[in-house]
Amino acid sequence: MLIGELSRRTGVSTRLLRYYEAQGLLDVRRGSNGYRHYDDDSVVTVRQVRALLKAGLSTEVIREVLPCARGERPEIDWCTELWEVLNGELAAMDHRIDDLRRSRGTLAGYLTGS
């Protein structure tokens, strides 16, 4: 299918699909005319990418996760390395949340002190 069809089937803009391709998240073949051609599996891949982005993962981490992803949700086929990567991402996310709570408390203190 062409990029416009993939965009219509997934609800993702063509610009974003080209970005996913540039990030190594989406496989594409080029026709002799230079047009991008995607397999039917690309619809599932785009939905997996969207779900993993919604979980707060970077495209760099998603590139590691995709080979282990199954289905649109996606379900993950676990291996030790992937488990460690995602646990690290979760710990980093918890740290950012703690930092935001501290910053929020500081800002709230300014507002109540004025």
PDB file of N, CA and C in Angstrom:
ATOM      1  N   MET A   1       0.846  -1.176   0.000  1.00  0.00           N
ATOM      2  CA  MET A   1       0.000   0.000   0.000  1.00  0.00           C
ATOM      3  C   MET A   1       0.887   1.234   0.000  1.00  0.00           C
ATOM      4  N   LEU A   2       0.358   2.321  -0.492  1.00  0.00           N
ATOM      5  CA  LEU A   2       1.085   3.581  -0.508  1.00  0.00           C
ATOM      6  C   LEU A   2       0.913   4.300   0.828  1.00  0.00           C
ATOM      7  N   ILE A   3       1.720   5.324   1.051  1.00  0.00           N
ATOM      8  CA  ILE A   3       1.734   6.018   2.329  1.00  0.00           C
ATOM      9  C   ILE A   3       0.382   6.645   2.672  1.00  0.00           C
ATOM     10  N   GLY A   4      -0.322   7.144   1.670  1.00  0.00           N
ATOM     11  CA  GLY A   4      -1.637   7.742   1.919  1.00  0.00           C
ATOM     12  C   GLY A   4      -2.626   6.725   2.449  1.00  0.00           C
ATOM     13  N   GLU A   5      -2.602   5.523   1.912  1.00  0.00           N
ATOM     14  CA  GLU A   5      -3.484   4.446   2.377  1.00  0.00           C
ATOM     15  C   GLU A   5      -3.119   4.045   3.806  1.00  0.00           C
ATOM     16  N   LEU A   6      -1.835   3.922   4.095  1.00  0.00           N
ATOM     17  CA  LEU A   6      -1.413   3.584   5.457  1.00  0.00           C
ATOM     18  C   LEU A   6      -1.860   4.682   6.422  1.00  0.00           C
ATOM     19  N   SER A   7      -1.763   5.917   6.009  1.00  0.00           N
ATOM     20  CA  SER A   7      -2.216   7.035   6.831  1.00  0.00           C
ATOM     21  C   SER A   7      -3.715   6.929   7.108  1.00  0.00           C
ATOM     22  N   ARG A   8      -4.496   6.650   6.082  1.00  0.00           N
ATOM     23  CA  ARG A   8      -5.948   6.523   6.262  1.00  0.00           C
ATOM     24  C   ARG A   8      -6.302   5.349   7.171  1.00  0.00           C
ATOM     25  N   ARG A   9      -5.603   4.233   7.018  1.00  0.00           N
ATOM     26  CA  ARG A   9      -5.922   3.036   7.807  1.00  0.00           C
ATOM     27  C   ARG A   9      -5.501   3.141   9.263  1.00  0.00           C
ATOM     28  N   THR A  10      -4.528   3.993   9.555  1.00  0.00           N
ATOM     29  CA  THR A  10      -4.031   4.100  10.936  1.00  0.00           C
ATOM     30  C   THR A  10      -4.416   5.417  11.614  1.00  0.00           C
ATOM     31  N   GLY A  11      -4.820   6.416  10.834  1.00  0.00           N
ATOM     32  CA  GLY A  11      -5.124   7.719  11.400  1.00  0.00           C
ATOM     33  C   GLY A  11      -3.881   8.512  11.761  1.00  0.00           C
ATOM     34  N   VAL A  12      -2.743   8.112  11.224  1.00  0.00           N
ATOM     35  CA  VAL A  12      -1.460   8.773  11.497  1.00  0.00           C
ATOM     36  C   VAL A  12      -1.065   9.551  10.235  1.00  0.00           C
ATOM     37  N   SER A  13      -0.611  10.774  10.420  1.00  0.00           N
ATOM     38  CA  SER A  13      -0.258  11.614   9.268  1.00  0.00           C
ATOM     39  C   SER A  13       0.898  11.015   8.471  1.00  0.00           C
ATOM     40  N   THR A  14       0.957  11.369   7.208  1.00  0.00           N
ATOM     41  CA  THR A  14       2.053  10.888   6.356  1.00  0.00           C
ATOM     42  C   THR A  14       3.395  11.421   6.859  1.00  0.00           C
ATOM     43  N   ARG A  15       3.380  12.629   7.375  1.00  0.00           N
ATOM     44  CA  ARG A  15       4.621  13.201   7.924  1.00  0.00           C
ATOM     45  C   ARG A  15       5.139  12.353   9.082  1.00  0.00           C
ATOM     46  N   LEU A  16       4.237  11.927   9.957  1.00  0.00           N
ATOM     47  CA  LEU A  16       4.629  11.098  11.092  1.00  0.00           C
ATOM     48  C   LEU A  16       5.072   9.709  10.629  1.00  0.00           C
ATOM     49  N   LEU A  17       4.431   9.174   9.617  1.00  0.00           N
ATOM     50  CA  LEU A  17       4.854   7.874   9.074  1.00  0.00           C
ATOM     51  C   LEU A  17       6.271   7.966   8.513  1.00  0.00           C
ATOM     52  N   ARG A  18       6.594   9.059   7.844  1.00  0.00           N
ATOM     53  CA  ARG A  18       7.960   9.238   7.332  1.00  0.00           C
ATOM     54  C   ARG A  18       8.952   9.356   8.491  1.00  0.00           C
ATOM     55  N   TYR A  19       8.530   9.995   9.574  1.00  0.00           N
ATOM     56  CA  TYR A  19       9.382  10.095  10.766  1.00  0.00           C
ATOM     57  C   TYR A  19       9.628   8.702  11.349  1.00  0.00           C
ATOM     58  N   TYR A  20       8.585   7.894  11.469  1.00  0.00           N
ATOM     59  CA  TYR A  20       8.757   6.523  11.981  1.00  0.00           C
ATOM     60  C   TYR A  20       9.736   5.749  11.096  1.00  0.00           C
ATOM     61  N   GLU A  21       9.627   5.939   9.803  1.00  0.00           N
ATOM     62  CA  GLU A  21      10.561   5.290   8.876  1.00  0.00           C
ATOM     63  C   GLU A  21      11.990   5.755   9.145  1.00  0.00           C
ATOM     64  N   ALA A  22      12.182   7.053   9.298  1.00  0.00           N
ATOM     65  CA  ALA A  22      13.520   7.615   9.545  1.00  0.00           C
ATOM     66  C   ALA A  22      14.094   7.119  10.865  1.00  0.00           C
ATOM     67  N   GLN A  23      13.235   6.846  11.851  1.00  0.00           N
ATOM     68  CA  GLN A  23      13.673   6.358  13.153  1.00  0.00           C
ATOM     69  C   GLN A  23      13.915   4.854  13.165  1.00  0.00           C
ATOM     70  N   GLY A  24      13.671   4.187  12.049  1.00  0.00           N
ATOM     71  CA  GLY A  24      13.879   2.742  11.963  1.00  0.00           C
ATOM     72  C   GLY A  24      12.766   1.937  12.594  1.00  0.00           C
ATOM     73  N   LEU A  25      11.582   2.531  12.714  1.00  0.00           N
ATOM     74  CA  LEU A  25      10.446   1.849  13.332  1.00  0.00           C
ATOM     75  C   LEU A  25       9.521   1.204  12.310  1.00  0.00           C
ATOM     76  N   LEU A  26       9.621   1.617  11.073  1.00  0.00           N
ATOM     77  CA  LEU A  26       8.690   1.181  10.046  1.00  0.00           C
ATOM     78  C   LEU A  26       9.459   0.813   8.786  1.00  0.00           C
ATOM     79  N   ASP A  27       9.252  -0.414   8.323  1.00  0.00           N
ATOM     80  CA  ASP A  27       9.916  -0.879   7.101  1.00  0.00           C
ATOM     81  C   ASP A  27       9.144  -0.390   5.878  1.00  0.00           C
ATOM     82  N   VAL A  28       9.892  -0.022   4.862  1.00  0.00           N
ATOM     83  CA  VAL A  28       9.287   0.473   3.632  1.00  0.00           C
ATOM     84  C   VAL A  28      10.135   0.009   2.447  1.00  0.00           C
ATOM     85  N   ARG A  29       9.461  -0.259   1.354  1.00  0.00           N
ATOM     86  CA  ARG A  29      10.145  -0.536   0.092  1.00  0.00           C
ATOM     87  C   ARG A  29       9.861   0.630  -0.840  1.00  0.00           C
ATOM     88  N   ARG A  30      10.790   0.891  -1.707  1.00  0.00           N
ATOM     89  CA  ARG A  30      10.589   1.944  -2.699  1.00  0.00           C
ATOM     90  C   ARG A  30      10.330   1.300  -4.047  1.00  0.00           C
ATOM     91  N   GLY A  31       9.291   1.768  -4.719  1.00  0.00           N
ATOM     92  CA  GLY A  31       9.014   1.304  -6.071  1.00  0.00           C
ATOM     93  C   GLY A  31       9.960   1.955  -7.058  1.00  0.00           C
ATOM     94  N   SER A  32       9.930   1.513  -8.282  1.00  0.00           N
ATOM     95  CA  SER A  32      10.810   2.082  -9.312  1.00  0.00           C
ATOM     96  C   SER A  32      10.510   3.564  -9.532  1.00  0.00           C
ATOM     97  N   ASN A  33       9.283   3.976  -9.162  1.00  0.00           N
ATOM     98  CA  ASN A  33       8.906   5.385  -9.287  1.00  0.00           C
ATOM     99  C   ASN A  33       9.286   6.203  -8.053  1.00  0.00           C
ATOM    100  N   GLY A  34       9.902   5.546  -7.043  1.00  0.00           N
ATOM    101  CA  GLY A  34      10.325   6.230  -5.832  1.00  0.00           C
ATOM    102  C   GLY A  34       9.271   6.294  -4.740  1.00  0.00           C
ATOM    103  N   TYR A  35       8.058   5.827  -5.045  1.00  0.00           N
ATOM    104  CA  TYR A  35       6.990   5.850  -4.044  1.00  0.00           C
ATOM    105  C   TYR A  35       7.257   4.826  -2.954  1.00  0.00           C
ATOM    106  N   ARG A  36       6.820   5.163  -1.749  1.00  0.00           N
ATOM    107  CA  ARG A  36       6.932   4.239  -0.621  1.00  0.00           C
ATOM    108  C   ARG A  36       5.827   3.186  -0.746  1.00  0.00           C
ATOM    109  N   HIS A  37       6.213   1.938  -0.490  1.00  0.00           N
ATOM    110  CA  HIS A  37       5.245   0.834  -0.483  1.00  0.00           C
ATOM    111  C   HIS A  37       5.368   0.110   0.852  1.00  0.00           C
ATOM    112  N   TYR A  38       4.236  -0.043   1.522  1.00  0.00           N
ATOM    113  CA  TYR A  38       4.185  -0.686   2.836  1.00  0.00           C
ATOM    114  C   TYR A  38       3.414  -1.990   2.743  1.00  0.00           C
ATOM    115  N   ASP A  39       3.827  -2.982   3.550  1.00  0.00           N
ATOM    116  CA  ASP A  39       3.108  -4.240   3.653  1.00  0.00           C
ATOM    117  C   ASP A  39       1.889  -4.054   4.537  1.00  0.00           C
ATOM    118  N   ASP A  40       0.955  -5.000   4.479  1.00  0.00           N
ATOM    119  CA  ASP A  40      -0.230  -4.948   5.343  1.00  0.00           C
ATOM    120  C   ASP A  40       0.158  -4.974   6.818  1.00  0.00           C
ATOM    121  N   ASP A  41       1.286  -5.620   7.152  1.00  0.00           N
ATOM    122  CA  ASP A  41       1.754  -5.678   8.542  1.00  0.00           C
ATOM    123  C   ASP A  41       2.109  -4.296   9.093  1.00  0.00           C
ATOM    124  N   SER A  42       2.334  -3.342   8.209  1.00  0.00           N
ATOM    125  CA  SER A  42       2.695  -1.992   8.641  1.00  0.00           C
ATOM    126  C   SER A  42       1.587  -1.347   9.464  1.00  0.00           C
ATOM    127  N   VAL A  43       0.336  -1.711   9.205  1.00  0.00           N
ATOM    128  CA  VAL A  43      -0.783  -1.161   9.985  1.00  0.00           C
ATOM    129  C   VAL A  43      -0.621  -1.553  11.449  1.00  0.00           C
ATOM    130  N   VAL A  44      -0.319  -2.822  11.702  1.00  0.00           N
ATOM    131  CA  VAL A  44      -0.121  -3.297  13.076  1.00  0.00           C
ATOM    132  C   VAL A  44       1.104  -2.627  13.687  1.00  0.00           C
ATOM    133  N   THR A  45       2.176  -2.510  12.918  1.00  0.00           N
ATOM    134  CA  THR A  45       3.403  -1.880  13.426  1.00  0.00           C
ATOM    135  C   THR A  45       3.133  -0.442  13.859  1.00  0.00           C
ATOM    136  N   VAL A  46       2.414   0.316  13.044  1.00  0.00           N
ATOM    137  CA  VAL A  46       2.108   1.705  13.395  1.00  0.00           C
ATOM    138  C   VAL A  46       1.272   1.745  14.673  1.00  0.00           C
ATOM    139  N   ARG A  47       0.321   0.858  14.799  1.00  0.00           N
ATOM    140  CA  ARG A  47      -0.501   0.829  16.018  1.00  0.00           C
ATOM    141  C   ARG A  47       0.328   0.438  17.238  1.00  0.00           C
ATOM    142  N   GLN A  48       1.286  -0.458  17.064  1.00  0.00           N
ATOM    143  CA  GLN A  48       2.189  -0.813  18.160  1.00  0.00           C
ATOM    144  C   GLN A  48       3.017   0.397  18.570  1.00  0.00           C
ATOM    145  N   VAL A  49       3.563   1.089  17.593  1.00  0.00           N
ATOM    146  CA  VAL A  49       4.381   2.274  17.868  1.00  0.00           C
ATOM    147  C   VAL A  49       3.549   3.296  18.639  1.00  0.00           C
ATOM    148  N   ARG A  50       2.327   3.552  18.195  1.00  0.00           N
ATOM    149  CA  ARG A  50       1.463   4.527  18.868  1.00  0.00           C
ATOM    150  C   ARG A  50       1.197   4.109  20.317  1.00  0.00           C
ATOM    151  N   ALA A  51       0.931   2.820  20.544  1.00  0.00           N
ATOM    152  CA  ALA A  51       0.660   2.329  21.901  1.00  0.00           C
ATOM    153  C   ALA A  51       1.897   2.475  22.786  1.00  0.00           C
ATOM    154  N   LEU A  52       3.061   2.169  22.248  1.00  0.00           N
ATOM    155  CA  LEU A  52       4.294   2.267  23.026  1.00  0.00           C
ATOM    156  C   LEU A  52       4.676   3.718  23.293  1.00  0.00           C
ATOM    157  N   LEU A  53       4.408   4.611  22.353  1.00  0.00           N
ATOM    158  CA  LEU A  53       4.620   6.037  22.592  1.00  0.00           C
ATOM    159  C   LEU A  53       3.688   6.526  23.700  1.00  0.00           C
ATOM    160  N   LYS A  54       2.444   6.052  23.671  1.00  0.00           N
ATOM    161  CA  LYS A  54       1.479   6.427  24.707  1.00  0.00           C
ATOM    162  C   LYS A  54       1.943   5.964  26.089  1.00  0.00           C
ATOM    163  N   ALA A  55       2.705   4.859  26.129  1.00  0.00           N
ATOM    164  CA  ALA A  55       3.253   4.358  27.393  1.00  0.00           C
ATOM    165  C   ALA A  55       4.444   5.188  27.860  1.00  0.00           C
ATOM    166  N   GLY A  56       4.858   6.163  27.041  1.00  0.00           N
ATOM    167  CA  GLY A  56       5.937   7.056  27.444  1.00  0.00           C
ATOM    168  C   GLY A  56       7.316   6.637  26.982  1.00  0.00           C
ATOM    169  N   LEU A  57       7.388   5.665  26.088  1.00  0.00           N
ATOM    170  CA  LEU A  57       8.693   5.217  25.603  1.00  0.00           C
ATOM    171  C   LEU A  57       9.179   6.096  24.466  1.00  0.00           C
ATOM    172  N   SER A  58      10.476   6.265  24.378  1.00  0.00           N
ATOM    173  CA  SER A  58      11.087   7.020  23.284  1.00  0.00           C
ATOM    174  C   SER A  58      11.148   6.136  22.041  1.00  0.00           C
ATOM    175  N   THR A  59      11.333   6.759  20.891  1.00  0.00           N
ATOM    176  CA  THR A  59      11.449   5.975  19.663  1.00  0.00           C
ATOM    177  C   THR A  59      12.692   5.080  19.706  1.00  0.00           C
ATOM    178  N   GLU A  60      13.717   5.528  20.413  1.00  0.00           N
ATOM    179  CA  GLU A  60      14.932   4.716  20.559  1.00  0.00           C
ATOM    180  C   GLU A  60      14.628   3.408  21.294  1.00  0.00           C
ATOM    181  N   VAL A  61      13.869   3.495  22.376  1.00  0.00           N
ATOM    182  CA  VAL A  61      13.502   2.301  23.139  1.00  0.00           C
ATOM    183  C   VAL A  61      12.504   1.454  22.338  1.00  0.00           C
ATOM    184  N   ILE A  62      11.576   2.112  21.666  1.00  0.00           N
ATOM    185  CA  ILE A  62      10.590   1.378  20.869  1.00  0.00           C
ATOM    186  C   ILE A  62      11.278   0.543  19.802  1.00  0.00           C
ATOM    187  N   ARG A  63      12.344   1.065  19.239  1.00  0.00           N
ATOM    188  CA  ARG A  63      13.099   0.303  18.226  1.00  0.00           C
ATOM    189  C   ARG A  63      13.593  -1.021  18.814  1.00  0.00           C
ATOM    190  N   GLU A  64      13.951  -1.029  20.101  1.00  0.00           N
ATOM    191  CA  GLU A  64      14.379  -2.267  20.761  1.00  0.00           C
ATOM    192  C   GLU A  64      13.203  -3.188  21.083  1.00  0.00           C
ATOM    193  N   VAL A  65      12.049  -2.592  21.374  1.00  0.00           N
ATOM    194  CA  VAL A  65      10.875  -3.358  21.794  1.00  0.00           C
ATOM    195  C   VAL A  65      10.155  -4.001  20.608  1.00  0.00           C
ATOM    196  N   LEU A  66      10.087  -3.321  19.475  1.00  0.00           N
ATOM    197  CA  LEU A  66       9.277  -3.787  18.343  1.00  0.00           C
ATOM    198  C   LEU A  66       9.536  -5.229  17.901  1.00  0.00           C
ATOM    199  N   PRO A  67      10.787  -5.681  17.856  1.00  0.00           N
ATOM    200  CA  PRO A  67      10.978  -7.078  17.431  1.00  0.00           C
ATOM    201  C   PRO A  67      10.323  -8.097  18.371  1.00  0.00           C
ATOM    202  N   CYS A  68      10.024  -7.683  19.600  1.00  0.00           N
ATOM    203  CA  CYS A  68       9.412  -8.572  20.584  1.00  0.00           C
ATOM    204  C   CYS A  68       7.915  -8.318  20.743  1.00  0.00           C
ATOM    205  N   ALA A  69       7.363  -7.365  19.989  1.00  0.00           N
ATOM    206  CA  ALA A  69       5.952  -6.990  20.119  1.00  0.00           C
ATOM    207  C   ALA A  69       5.078  -7.867  19.234  1.00  0.00           C
ATOM    208  N   ARG A  70       3.932  -8.276  19.792  1.00  0.00           N
ATOM    209  CA  ARG A  70       2.967  -9.099  19.054  1.00  0.00           C
ATOM    210  C   ARG A  70       1.581  -8.491  19.228  1.00  0.00           C
ATOM    211  N   GLY A  71       0.885  -8.276  18.134  1.00  0.00           N
ATOM    212  CA  GLY A  71      -0.473  -7.740  18.195  1.00  0.00           C
ATOM    213  C   GLY A  71      -0.482  -6.233  18.355  1.00  0.00           C
ATOM    214  N   GLU A  72      -1.670  -5.653  18.252  1.00  0.00           N
ATOM    215  CA  GLU A  72      -1.793  -4.201  18.252  1.00  0.00           C
ATOM    216  C   GLU A  72      -1.638  -3.567  19.623  1.00  0.00           C
ATOM    217  N   ARG A  73      -1.900  -4.304  20.670  1.00  0.00           N
ATOM    218  CA  ARG A  73      -1.893  -3.722  22.022  1.00  0.00           C
ATOM    219  C   ARG A  73      -0.536  -3.177  22.415  1.00  0.00           C
ATOM    220  N   PRO A  74       0.578  -3.609  22.278  1.00  0.00           N
ATOM    221  CA  PRO A  74       1.017  -4.952  21.900  1.00  0.00           C
ATOM    222  C   PRO A  74       1.301  -5.822  23.126  1.00  0.00           C
ATOM    223  N   GLU A  75       1.346  -7.101  22.898  1.00  0.00           N
ATOM    224  CA  GLU A  75       1.849  -8.053  23.882  1.00  0.00           C
ATOM    225  C   GLU A  75       3.353  -8.169  23.627  1.00  0.00           C
ATOM    226  N   ILE A  76       4.112  -8.436  24.681  1.00  0.00           N
ATOM    227  CA  ILE A  76       5.571  -8.478  24.550  1.00  0.00           C
ATOM    228  C   ILE A  76       6.078  -9.890  24.812  1.00  0.00           C
ATOM    229  N   ASP A  77       6.916 -10.391  23.900  1.00  0.00           N
ATOM    230  CA  ASP A  77       7.660 -11.634  24.125  1.00  0.00           C
ATOM    231  C   ASP A  77       8.922 -11.233  24.884  1.00  0.00           C
ATOM    232  N   TRP A  78       8.992 -11.620  26.158  1.00  0.00           N
ATOM    233  CA  TRP A  78      10.053 -11.118  27.032  1.00  0.00           C
ATOM    234  C   TRP A  78      11.376 -11.852  26.878  1.00  0.00           C
ATOM    235  N   CYS A  79      12.431 -11.086  26.929  1.00  0.00           N
ATOM    236  CA  CYS A  79      13.779 -11.605  27.047  1.00  0.00           C
ATOM    237  C   CYS A  79      14.457 -10.765  28.136  1.00  0.00           C
ATOM    238  N   THR A  80      15.523 -11.248  28.699  1.00  0.00           N
ATOM    239  CA  THR A  80      16.172 -10.570  29.823  1.00  0.00           C
ATOM    240  C   THR A  80      16.569  -9.145  29.476  1.00  0.00           C
ATOM    241  N   GLU A  81      17.162  -8.937  28.310  1.00  0.00           N
ATOM    242  CA  GLU A  81      17.636  -7.610  27.939  1.00  0.00           C
ATOM    243  C   GLU A  81      16.479  -6.621  27.839  1.00  0.00           C
ATOM    244  N   LEU A  82      15.382  -7.045  27.247  1.00  0.00           N
ATOM    245  CA  LEU A  82      14.240  -6.165  27.088  1.00  0.00           C
ATOM    246  C   LEU A  82      13.619  -5.841  28.440  1.00  0.00           C
ATOM    247  N   TRP A  83      13.547  -6.838  29.301  1.00  0.00           N
ATOM    248  CA  TRP A  83      13.015  -6.628  30.648  1.00  0.00           C
ATOM    249  C   TRP A  83      13.834  -5.551  31.365  1.00  0.00           C
ATOM    250  N   GLU A  84      15.159  -5.638  31.253  1.00  0.00           N
ATOM    251  CA  GLU A  84      16.046  -4.663  31.894  1.00  0.00           C
ATOM    252  C   GLU A  84      15.857  -3.264  31.305  1.00  0.00           C
ATOM    253  N   VAL A  85      15.714  -3.172  29.998  1.00  0.00           N
ATOM    254  CA  VAL A  85      15.514  -1.872  29.343  1.00  0.00           C
ATOM    255  C   VAL A  85      14.225  -1.229  29.838  1.00  0.00           C
ATOM    256  N   LEU A  86      13.131  -1.993  29.853  1.00  0.00           N
ATOM    257  CA  LEU A  86      11.849  -1.420  30.258  1.00  0.00           C
ATOM    258  C   LEU A  86      11.806  -1.117  31.752  1.00  0.00           C
ATOM    259  N   ASN A  87      12.460  -1.921  32.564  1.00  0.00           N
ATOM    260  CA  ASN A  87      12.549  -1.597  33.991  1.00  0.00           C
ATOM    261  C   ASN A  87      13.334  -0.305  34.195  1.00  0.00           C
ATOM    262  N   GLY A  88      14.381  -0.112  33.412  1.00  0.00           N
ATOM    263  CA  GLY A  88      15.145   1.134  33.471  1.00  0.00           C
ATOM    264  C   GLY A  88      14.301   2.330  33.058  1.00  0.00           C
ATOM    265  N   GLU A  89      13.488   2.156  32.024  1.00  0.00           N
ATOM    266  CA  GLU A  89      12.602   3.232  31.583  1.00  0.00           C
ATOM    267  C   GLU A  89      11.579   3.573  32.667  1.00  0.00           C
ATOM    268  N   LEU A  90      11.040   2.541  33.319  1.00  0.00           N
ATOM    269  CA  LEU A  90      10.066   2.756  34.390  1.00  0.00           C
ATOM    270  C   LEU A  90      10.706   3.496  35.567  1.00  0.00           C
ATOM    271  N   ALA A  91      11.913   3.117  35.929  1.00  0.00           N
ATOM    272  CA  ALA A  91      12.622   3.789  37.023  1.00  0.00           C
ATOM    273  C   ALA A  91      12.892   5.250  36.668  1.00  0.00           C
ATOM    274  N   ALA A  92      13.292   5.512  35.428  1.00  0.00           N
ATOM    275  CA  ALA A  92      13.546   6.887  34.994  1.00  0.00           C
ATOM    276  C   ALA A  92      12.253   7.706  35.018  1.00  0.00           C
ATOM    277  N   MET A  93      11.150   7.087  34.618  1.00  0.00           N
ATOM    278  CA  MET A  93       9.869   7.767  34.642  1.00  0.00           C
ATOM    279  C   MET A  93       9.466   8.108  36.082  1.00  0.00           C
ATOM    280  N   ASP A  94       9.661   7.164  37.003  1.00  0.00           N
ATOM    281  CA  ASP A  94       9.373   7.420  38.421  1.00  0.00           C
ATOM    282  C   ASP A  94      10.208   8.579  38.947  1.00  0.00           C
ATOM    283  N   HIS A  95      11.468   8.642  38.535  1.00  0.00           N
ATOM    284  CA  HIS A  95      12.352   9.733  38.957  1.00  0.00           C
ATOM    285  C   HIS A  95      11.838  11.082  38.435  1.00  0.00           C
ATOM    286  N   ARG A  96      11.412  11.110  37.169  1.00  0.00           N
ATOM    287  CA  ARG A  96      10.872  12.353  36.607  1.00  0.00           C
ATOM    288  C   ARG A  96       9.601  12.782  37.341  1.00  0.00           C
ATOM    289  N   ILE A  97       8.757  11.809  37.703  1.00  0.00           N
ATOM    290  CA  ILE A  97       7.528  12.117  38.451  1.00  0.00           C
ATOM    291  C   ILE A  97       7.877  12.722  39.806  1.00  0.00           C
ATOM    292  N   ASP A  98       8.854  12.135  40.495  1.00  0.00           N
ATOM    293  CA  ASP A  98       9.290  12.680  41.794  1.00  0.00           C
ATOM    294  C   ASP A  98       9.807  14.106  41.641  1.00  0.00           C
ATOM    295  N   ASP A  99      10.603  14.346  40.598  1.00  0.00           N
ATOM    296  CA  ASP A  99      11.116  15.699  40.349  1.00  0.00           C
ATOM    297  C   ASP A  99       9.978  16.679  40.093  1.00  0.00           C
ATOM    298  N   LEU A 100       8.982  16.260  39.316  1.00  0.00           N
ATOM    299  CA  LEU A 100       7.842  17.134  39.038  1.00  0.00           C
ATOM    300  C   LEU A 100       7.040  17.431  40.307  1.00  0.00           C
ATOM    301  N   ARG A 101       6.897  16.441  41.174  1.00  0.00           N
ATOM    302  CA  ARG A 101       6.181  16.672  42.443  1.00  0.00           C
ATOM    303  C   ARG A 101       6.918  17.689  43.306  1.00  0.00           C
ATOM    304  N   ARG A 102       8.245  17.567  43.359  1.00  0.00           N
ATOM    305  CA  ARG A 102       9.030  18.536  44.129  1.00  0.00           C
ATOM    306  C   ARG A 102       8.886  19.942  43.533  1.00  0.00           C
ATOM    307  N   SER A 103       8.977  20.032  42.217  1.00  0.00           N
ATOM    308  CA  SER A 103       8.834  21.333  41.552  1.00  0.00           C
ATOM    309  C   SER A 103       7.442  21.903  41.775  1.00  0.00           C
ATOM    310  N   ARG A 104       6.440  21.066  41.720  1.00  0.00           N
ATOM    311  CA  ARG A 104       5.076  21.508  41.939  1.00  0.00           C
ATOM    312  C   ARG A 104       4.918  22.050  43.365  1.00  0.00           C
ATOM    313  N   GLY A 105       5.498  21.333  44.324  1.00  0.00           N
ATOM    314  CA  GLY A 105       5.432  21.790  45.709  1.00  0.00           C
ATOM    315  C   GLY A 105       6.096  23.130  45.908  1.00  0.00           C
ATOM    316  N   THR A 106       7.223  23.334  45.249  1.00  0.00           N
ATOM    317  CA  THR A 106       7.925  24.611  45.338  1.00  0.00           C
ATOM    318  C   THR A 106       7.077  25.729  44.748  1.00  0.00           C
ATOM    319  N   LEU A 107       6.522  25.485  43.564  1.00  0.00           N
ATOM    320  CA  LEU A 107       5.696  26.492  42.912  1.00  0.00           C
ATOM    321  C   LEU A 107       4.444  26.787  43.728  1.00  0.00           C
ATOM    322  N   ALA A 108       3.805  25.760  44.249  1.00  0.00           N
ATOM    323  CA  ALA A 108       2.618  25.960  45.087  1.00  0.00           C
ATOM    324  C   ALA A 108       2.972  26.795  46.312  1.00  0.00           C
ATOM    325  N   GLY A 109       4.165  26.564  46.869  1.00  0.00           N
ATOM    326  CA  GLY A 109       4.629  27.342  48.017  1.00  0.00           C
ATOM    327  C   GLY A 109       4.751  28.818  47.680  1.00  0.00           C
ATOM    328  N   TYR A 110       5.242  29.135  46.494  1.00  0.00           N
ATOM    329  CA  TYR A 110       5.328  30.532  46.069  1.00  0.00           C
ATOM    330  C   TYR A 110       3.943  31.166  45.983  1.00  0.00           C
ATOM    331  N   LEU A 111       2.993  30.400  45.440  1.00  0.00           N
ATOM    332  CA  LEU A 111       1.643  30.936  45.247  1.00  0.00           C
ATOM    333  C   LEU A 111       0.929  31.163  46.572  1.00  0.00           C
ATOM    334  N   THR A 112       1.135  30.276  47.523  1.00  0.00           N
ATOM    335  CA  THR A 112       0.462  30.442  48.822  1.00  0.00           C
ATOM    336  C   THR A 112       1.178  31.467  49.697  1.00  0.00           C
ATOM    337  N   GLY A 113       2.440  31.745  49.406  1.00  0.00           N
ATOM    338  CA  GLY A 113       3.217  32.688  50.196  1.00  0.00           C
ATOM    339  C   GLY A 113       3.041  34.127  49.760  1.00  0.00           C
ATOM    340  N   SER A 114       2.355  34.350  48.634  1.00  0.00           N
ATOM    341  CA  SER A 114       2.243  35.735  48.131  1.00  0.00           C
ATOM    342  C   SER A 114       1.046  36.466  48.637  1.00  0.00           C
TER     343      SER A 114
END
